[in-house]
Amino acid sequence: MDWVIVCAVLIIIAGITILTVGNQRSTQSKPKSSPSTRSGSLPPPKSDVFTSAQLLSFNGINNQPVYIAVQNPFDTSEITVFDMTSGIDFYGPGSPYHVFAGRHASHGLAMSSTDRNDVEGDLNKLSASELDTLTQWYLKFESKYPKVGLLRENESGSSAGTTSHPQSVDSVQRKNQ
């Protein structure tokens, strides 16, 4: 009977040892993560303010970062500048969406057009469907790329060919109903 108790105690000790060693190994093999990767969110946005002329130089040419400005559909007084450099294959020189690099690209994104003539334009002339498309692009960029600042409009109230602020998505949808 004594040998049964001894065996049971040894099995329990062996089990505890295996669990402890296994936990230590799995903890040691996990890479240390920064606070931003632990939460799964992007780093806090920078608060730079760009003019259209300054933004033009952030087009990925000569190893420059790629920035794209997009109208915030939830705050029409804000044009957000995103750092698209991590998506250089899509937005860098020679890529399908390079036409948007260094520009306020809201009009072209809303129209789903990479025609250089469509990139910048009057957002008030967009349909409800196009504004919805713009909203989807903005949300995609916001979830995937860091915000680096805002685009400042010039004295006439326009920026990079955009003649005025668009109406909010809700107001255009009400108007079109």
C-alpha atoms as a PDB file:
ATOM      1  CA  MET A   1       0.000   0.000   0.000  1.00  0.00           C
ATOM      2  CA  ASP A   2       2.907   2.318   0.753  1.00  0.00           C
ATOM      3  CA  TRP A   3       4.262   1.915  -2.752  1.00  0.00           C
ATOM      4  CA  VAL A   4       0.878   3.115  -4.186  1.00  0.00           C
ATOM      5  CA  ILE A   5       1.088   6.338  -2.186  1.00  0.00           C
ATOM      6  CA  VAL A   6       4.722   6.853  -3.180  1.00  0.00           C
ATOM      7  CA  CYS A   7       3.864   6.312  -6.861  1.00  0.00           C
ATOM      8  CA  ALA A   8       0.919   8.729  -6.660  1.00  0.00           C
ATOM      9  CA  VAL A   9       3.094  11.425  -5.077  1.00  0.00           C
ATOM     10  CA  LEU A  10       5.803  10.906  -7.728  1.00  0.00           C
ATOM     11  CA  ILE A  11       3.239  11.179 -10.540  1.00  0.00           C
ATOM     12  CA  ILE A  12       1.878  14.422  -9.077  1.00  0.00           C
ATOM     13  CA  ILE A  13       5.392  15.884  -8.711  1.00  0.00           C
ATOM     14  CA  ALA A  14       6.263  14.857 -12.285  1.00  0.00           C
ATOM     15  CA  GLY A  15       3.058  16.468 -13.603  1.00  0.00           C
ATOM     16  CA  ILE A  16       3.724  19.730 -11.782  1.00  0.00           C
ATOM     17  CA  THR A  17       7.314  19.757 -13.060  1.00  0.00           C
ATOM     18  CA  ILE A  18       6.214  19.194 -16.665  1.00  0.00           C
ATOM     19  CA  LEU A  19       3.600  21.971 -16.463  1.00  0.00           C
ATOM     20  CA  THR A  20       6.058  24.419 -14.895  1.00  0.00           C
ATOM     21  CA  VAL A  21       8.801  23.740 -17.465  1.00  0.00           C
ATOM     22  CA  GLY A  22       6.288  23.947 -20.328  1.00  0.00           C
ATOM     23  CA  ASN A  23       4.991  27.331 -19.131  1.00  0.00           C
ATOM     24  CA  GLN A  24       8.522  28.706 -18.770  1.00  0.00           C
ATOM     25  CA  ARG A  25       9.436  27.624 -22.311  1.00  0.00           C
ATOM     26  CA  SER A  26       6.308  29.096 -23.898  1.00  0.00           C
ATOM     27  CA  THR A  27       6.797  32.368 -22.016  1.00  0.00           C
ATOM     28  CA  GLN A  28      10.447  32.580 -23.087  1.00  0.00           C
ATOM     29  CA  SER A  29       9.643  31.857 -26.745  1.00  0.00           C
ATOM     30  CA  LYS A  30       7.111  34.696 -27.051  1.00  0.00           C
ATOM     31  CA  PRO A  31       8.656  37.855 -28.494  1.00  0.00           C
ATOM     32  CA  LYS A  32       8.495  40.959 -26.410  1.00  0.00           C
ATOM     33  CA  SER A  33       5.891  43.266 -27.925  1.00  0.00           C
ATOM     34  CA  SER A  34       5.648  46.997 -27.768  1.00  0.00           C
ATOM     35  CA  PRO A  35       2.574  48.604 -26.217  1.00  0.00           C
ATOM     36  CA  SER A  36       1.167  49.486 -29.657  1.00  0.00           C
ATOM     37  CA  THR A  37       1.381  45.918 -30.972  1.00  0.00           C
ATOM     38  CA  ARG A  38      -0.058  44.459 -27.807  1.00  0.00           C
ATOM     39  CA  SER A  39      -3.261  46.418 -28.233  1.00  0.00           C
ATOM     40  CA  GLY A  40      -3.340  45.737 -31.974  1.00  0.00           C
ATOM     41  CA  SER A  41      -3.700  49.416 -32.789  1.00  0.00           C
ATOM     42  CA  LEU A  42      -1.595  51.811 -34.790  1.00  0.00           C
ATOM     43  CA  PRO A  43       0.787  54.220 -33.065  1.00  0.00           C
ATOM     44  CA  PRO A  44      -0.680  57.563 -32.030  1.00  0.00           C
ATOM     45  CA  PRO A  45      -0.976  59.997 -34.930  1.00  0.00           C
ATOM     46  CA  LYS A  46       1.539  62.740 -35.485  1.00  0.00           C
ATOM     47  CA  SER A  47       0.077  66.212 -35.534  1.00  0.00           C
ATOM     48  CA  ASP A  48       1.895  67.714 -38.522  1.00  0.00           C
ATOM     49  CA  VAL A  49       0.032  70.139 -40.741  1.00  0.00           C
ATOM     50  CA  PHE A  50       0.750  70.001 -44.473  1.00  0.00           C
ATOM     51  CA  THR A  51      -0.009  72.326 -47.330  1.00  0.00           C
ATOM     52  CA  SER A  52      -0.819  70.853 -50.729  1.00  0.00           C
ATOM     53  CA  ALA A  53       2.612  71.949 -51.968  1.00  0.00           C
ATOM     54  CA  GLN A  54       4.378  70.216 -49.071  1.00  0.00           C
ATOM     55  CA  LEU A  55       2.316  67.068 -49.508  1.00  0.00           C
ATOM     56  CA  LEU A  56       3.377  66.736 -53.165  1.00  0.00           C
ATOM     57  CA  SER A  57       6.934  65.821 -52.150  1.00  0.00           C
ATOM     58  CA  PHE A  58       5.717  62.773 -50.187  1.00  0.00           C
ATOM     59  CA  ASN A  59       5.182  60.662 -53.295  1.00  0.00           C
ATOM     60  CA  GLY A  60       7.678  57.842 -52.750  1.00  0.00           C
ATOM     61  CA  ILE A  61      10.141  59.154 -55.323  1.00  0.00           C
ATOM     62  CA  ASN A  62      13.807  59.374 -54.228  1.00  0.00           C
ATOM     63  CA  ASN A  63      13.089  57.251 -51.139  1.00  0.00           C
ATOM     64  CA  GLN A  64      10.542  59.732 -49.782  1.00  0.00           C
ATOM     65  CA  PRO A  65       7.657  58.364 -47.716  1.00  0.00           C
ATOM     66  CA  VAL A  66       4.272  58.031 -49.412  1.00  0.00           C
ATOM     67  CA  TYR A  67       1.546  60.219 -47.900  1.00  0.00           C
ATOM     68  CA  ILE A  68      -2.051  60.464 -49.089  1.00  0.00           C
ATOM     69  CA  ALA A  69      -4.626  62.970 -47.828  1.00  0.00           C
ATOM     70  CA  VAL A  70      -8.245  61.837 -47.490  1.00  0.00           C
ATOM     71  CA  GLN A  71     -11.333  63.761 -46.408  1.00  0.00           C
ATOM     72  CA  ASN A  72     -12.599  62.600 -43.022  1.00  0.00           C
ATOM     73  CA  PRO A  73     -16.227  61.672 -43.769  1.00  0.00           C
ATOM     74  CA  PHE A  74     -17.183  62.036 -40.106  1.00  0.00           C
ATOM     75  CA  ASP A  75     -15.673  65.513 -39.673  1.00  0.00           C
ATOM     76  CA  THR A  76     -15.796  67.408 -42.946  1.00  0.00           C
ATOM     77  CA  SER A  77     -13.529  70.121 -41.572  1.00  0.00           C
ATOM     78  CA  GLU A  78     -10.666  67.603 -41.408  1.00  0.00           C
ATOM     79  CA  ILE A  79      -8.535  66.203 -44.214  1.00  0.00           C
ATOM     80  CA  THR A  80      -6.370  63.442 -42.739  1.00  0.00           C
ATOM     81  CA  VAL A  81      -2.889  62.664 -44.069  1.00  0.00           C
ATOM     82  CA  PHE A  82      -1.947  58.980 -43.896  1.00  0.00           C
ATOM     83  CA  ASP A  83       1.544  57.464 -44.195  1.00  0.00           C
ATOM     84  CA  MET A  84       1.086  54.815 -46.879  1.00  0.00           C
ATOM     85  CA  THR A  85       4.769  53.863 -47.037  1.00  0.00           C
ATOM     86  CA  SER A  86       4.125  50.368 -45.684  1.00  0.00           C
ATOM     87  CA  GLY A  87       1.884  49.890 -48.729  1.00  0.00           C
ATOM     88  CA  ILE A  88       4.593  51.023 -51.178  1.00  0.00           C
ATOM     89  CA  ASP A  89       3.715  48.143 -53.526  1.00  0.00           C
ATOM     90  CA  PHE A  90       0.282  49.725 -54.011  1.00  0.00           C
ATOM     91  CA  TYR A  91       1.010  53.445 -53.604  1.00  0.00           C
ATOM     92  CA  GLY A  92       4.689  53.859 -54.527  1.00  0.00           C
ATOM     93  CA  PRO A  93       6.255  54.762 -57.878  1.00  0.00           C
ATOM     94  CA  GLY A  94       5.136  52.463 -60.687  1.00  0.00           C
ATOM     95  CA  SER A  95       2.296  50.998 -58.628  1.00  0.00           C
ATOM     96  CA  PRO A  96      -1.426  50.971 -59.432  1.00  0.00           C
ATOM     97  CA  TYR A  97      -2.405  53.736 -56.985  1.00  0.00           C
ATOM     98  CA  HIS A  98       0.679  55.947 -57.251  1.00  0.00           C
ATOM     99  CA  VAL A  99      -1.507  58.609 -58.845  1.00  0.00           C
ATOM    100  CA  PHE A 100      -2.809  59.339 -55.313  1.00  0.00           C
ATOM    101  CA  ALA A 101       0.646  59.690 -53.706  1.00  0.00           C
ATOM    102  CA  GLY A 102       1.382  63.137 -52.320  1.00  0.00           C
ATOM    103  CA  ARG A 103      -2.126  64.379 -53.055  1.00  0.00           C
ATOM    104  CA  HIS A 104      -5.549  64.986 -51.596  1.00  0.00           C
ATOM    105  CA  ALA A 105      -6.972  61.864 -53.200  1.00  0.00           C
ATOM    106  CA  SER A 106     -10.544  61.921 -51.888  1.00  0.00           C
ATOM    107  CA  HIS A 107     -12.220  62.654 -55.217  1.00  0.00           C
ATOM    108  CA  GLY A 108     -10.398  59.895 -57.104  1.00  0.00           C
ATOM    109  CA  LEU A 109     -10.918  57.385 -54.310  1.00  0.00           C
ATOM    110  CA  ALA A 110     -14.633  58.212 -54.142  1.00  0.00           C
ATOM    111  CA  MET A 111     -14.965  57.754 -57.896  1.00  0.00           C
ATOM    112  CA  SER A 112     -12.849  54.579 -57.833  1.00  0.00           C
ATOM    113  CA  SER A 113     -10.736  56.157 -60.534  1.00  0.00           C
ATOM    114  CA  THR A 114      -6.985  56.228 -61.027  1.00  0.00           C
ATOM    115  CA  ASP A 115      -7.297  58.728 -63.879  1.00  0.00           C
ATOM    116  CA  ARG A 116      -5.068  61.675 -62.949  1.00  0.00           C
ATOM    117  CA  ASN A 117      -7.898  64.066 -63.926  1.00  0.00           C
ATOM    118  CA  ASP A 118     -10.226  62.481 -61.347  1.00  0.00           C
ATOM    119  CA  VAL A 119      -7.847  62.451 -58.373  1.00  0.00           C
ATOM    120  CA  GLU A 120      -8.703  65.955 -57.204  1.00  0.00           C
ATOM    121  CA  GLY A 121     -12.068  67.627 -57.602  1.00  0.00           C
ATOM    122  CA  ASP A 122     -15.151  69.115 -55.987  1.00  0.00           C
ATOM    123  CA  LEU A 123     -16.392  66.672 -53.378  1.00  0.00           C
ATOM    124  CA  ASN A 124     -19.809  68.364 -53.256  1.00  0.00           C
ATOM    125  CA  LYS A 125     -20.547  66.918 -56.678  1.00  0.00           C
ATOM    126  CA  LEU A 126     -20.155  63.325 -55.490  1.00  0.00           C
ATOM    127  CA  SER A 127     -23.186  61.052 -55.305  1.00  0.00           C
ATOM    128  CA  ALA A 128     -24.253  59.291 -52.121  1.00  0.00           C
ATOM    129  CA  SER A 129     -22.754  56.078 -53.477  1.00  0.00           C
ATOM    130  CA  GLU A 130     -19.429  57.802 -54.170  1.00  0.00           C
ATOM    131  CA  LEU A 131     -19.409  59.317 -50.676  1.00  0.00           C
ATOM    132  CA  ASP A 132     -20.011  55.855 -49.273  1.00  0.00           C
ATOM    133  CA  THR A 133     -17.050  54.578 -51.301  1.00  0.00           C
ATOM    134  CA  LEU A 134     -14.923  57.420 -49.906  1.00  0.00           C
ATOM    135  CA  THR A 135     -16.007  56.490 -46.380  1.00  0.00           C
ATOM    136  CA  GLN A 136     -14.939  52.883 -46.963  1.00  0.00           C
ATOM    137  CA  TRP A 137     -11.512  54.001 -48.214  1.00  0.00           C
ATOM    138  CA  TYR A 138     -11.094  56.315 -45.224  1.00  0.00           C
ATOM    139  CA  LEU A 139     -11.993  53.555 -42.758  1.00  0.00           C
ATOM    140  CA  LYS A 140      -9.602  51.151 -44.490  1.00  0.00           C
ATOM    141  CA  PHE A 141      -6.756  53.670 -44.350  1.00  0.00           C
ATOM    142  CA  GLU A 142      -7.553  54.581 -40.751  1.00  0.00           C
ATOM    143  CA  SER A 143      -7.359  50.937 -39.682  1.00  0.00           C
ATOM    144  CA  LYS A 144      -4.238  50.104 -41.673  1.00  0.00           C
ATOM    145  CA  TYR A 145      -1.981  53.171 -41.968  1.00  0.00           C
ATOM    146  CA  PRO A 146      -0.701  55.686 -39.409  1.00  0.00           C
ATOM    147  CA  LYS A 147      -2.070  59.203 -39.420  1.00  0.00           C
ATOM    148  CA  VAL A 148       0.743  61.707 -39.784  1.00  0.00           C
ATOM    149  CA  GLY A 149      -1.204  64.941 -39.782  1.00  0.00           C
ATOM    150  CA  LEU A 150      -3.751  67.104 -41.502  1.00  0.00           C
ATOM    151  CA  LEU A 151      -3.902  68.893 -44.819  1.00  0.00           C
ATOM    152  CA  ARG A 152      -4.367  72.635 -44.386  1.00  0.00           C
ATOM    153  CA  GLU A 153      -6.526  74.361 -46.915  1.00  0.00           C
ATOM    154  CA  ASN A 154      -5.359  77.498 -48.640  1.00  0.00           C
ATOM    155  CA  GLU A 155      -6.881  80.945 -48.188  1.00  0.00           C
ATOM    156  CA  SER A 156      -9.622  80.380 -50.784  1.00  0.00           C
ATOM    157  CA  GLY A 157     -10.962  77.426 -48.806  1.00  0.00           C
ATOM    158  CA  SER A 158      -9.670  74.808 -51.195  1.00  0.00           C
ATOM    159  CA  SER A 159      -6.874  72.317 -51.076  1.00  0.00           C
ATOM    160  CA  ALA A 160      -5.268  70.577 -53.992  1.00  0.00           C
ATOM    161  CA  GLY A 161      -8.128  71.136 -56.406  1.00  0.00           C
ATOM    162  CA  THR A 162     -10.924  70.458 -53.971  1.00  0.00           C
ATOM    163  CA  THR A 163     -13.134  73.497 -54.150  1.00  0.00           C
ATOM    164  CA  SER A 164     -15.114  72.972 -50.978  1.00  0.00           C
ATOM    165  CA  HIS A 165     -15.918  70.595 -48.156  1.00  0.00           C
ATOM    166  CA  PRO A 166     -18.257  67.780 -49.044  1.00  0.00           C
ATOM    167  CA  GLN A 167     -21.540  67.445 -47.296  1.00  0.00           C
ATOM    168  CA  SER A 168     -21.668  64.758 -44.678  1.00  0.00           C
ATOM    169  CA  VAL A 169     -22.645  61.304 -45.881  1.00  0.00           C
ATOM    170  CA  ASP A 170     -25.948  61.545 -43.977  1.00  0.00           C
ATOM    171  CA  SER A 171     -26.953  64.899 -45.465  1.00  0.00           C
ATOM    172  CA  VAL A 172     -26.281  63.731 -49.038  1.00  0.00           C
ATOM    173  CA  GLN A 173     -28.213  60.518 -48.478  1.00  0.00           C
ATOM    174  CA  ARG A 174     -31.196  62.488 -47.118  1.00  0.00           C
ATOM    175  CA  LYS A 175     -31.028  64.856 -50.108  1.00  0.00           C
ATOM    176  CA  ASN A 176     -30.973  61.966 -52.604  1.00  0.00           C
ATOM    177  CA  GLN A 177     -33.975  60.174 -51.059  1.00  0.00           C
END
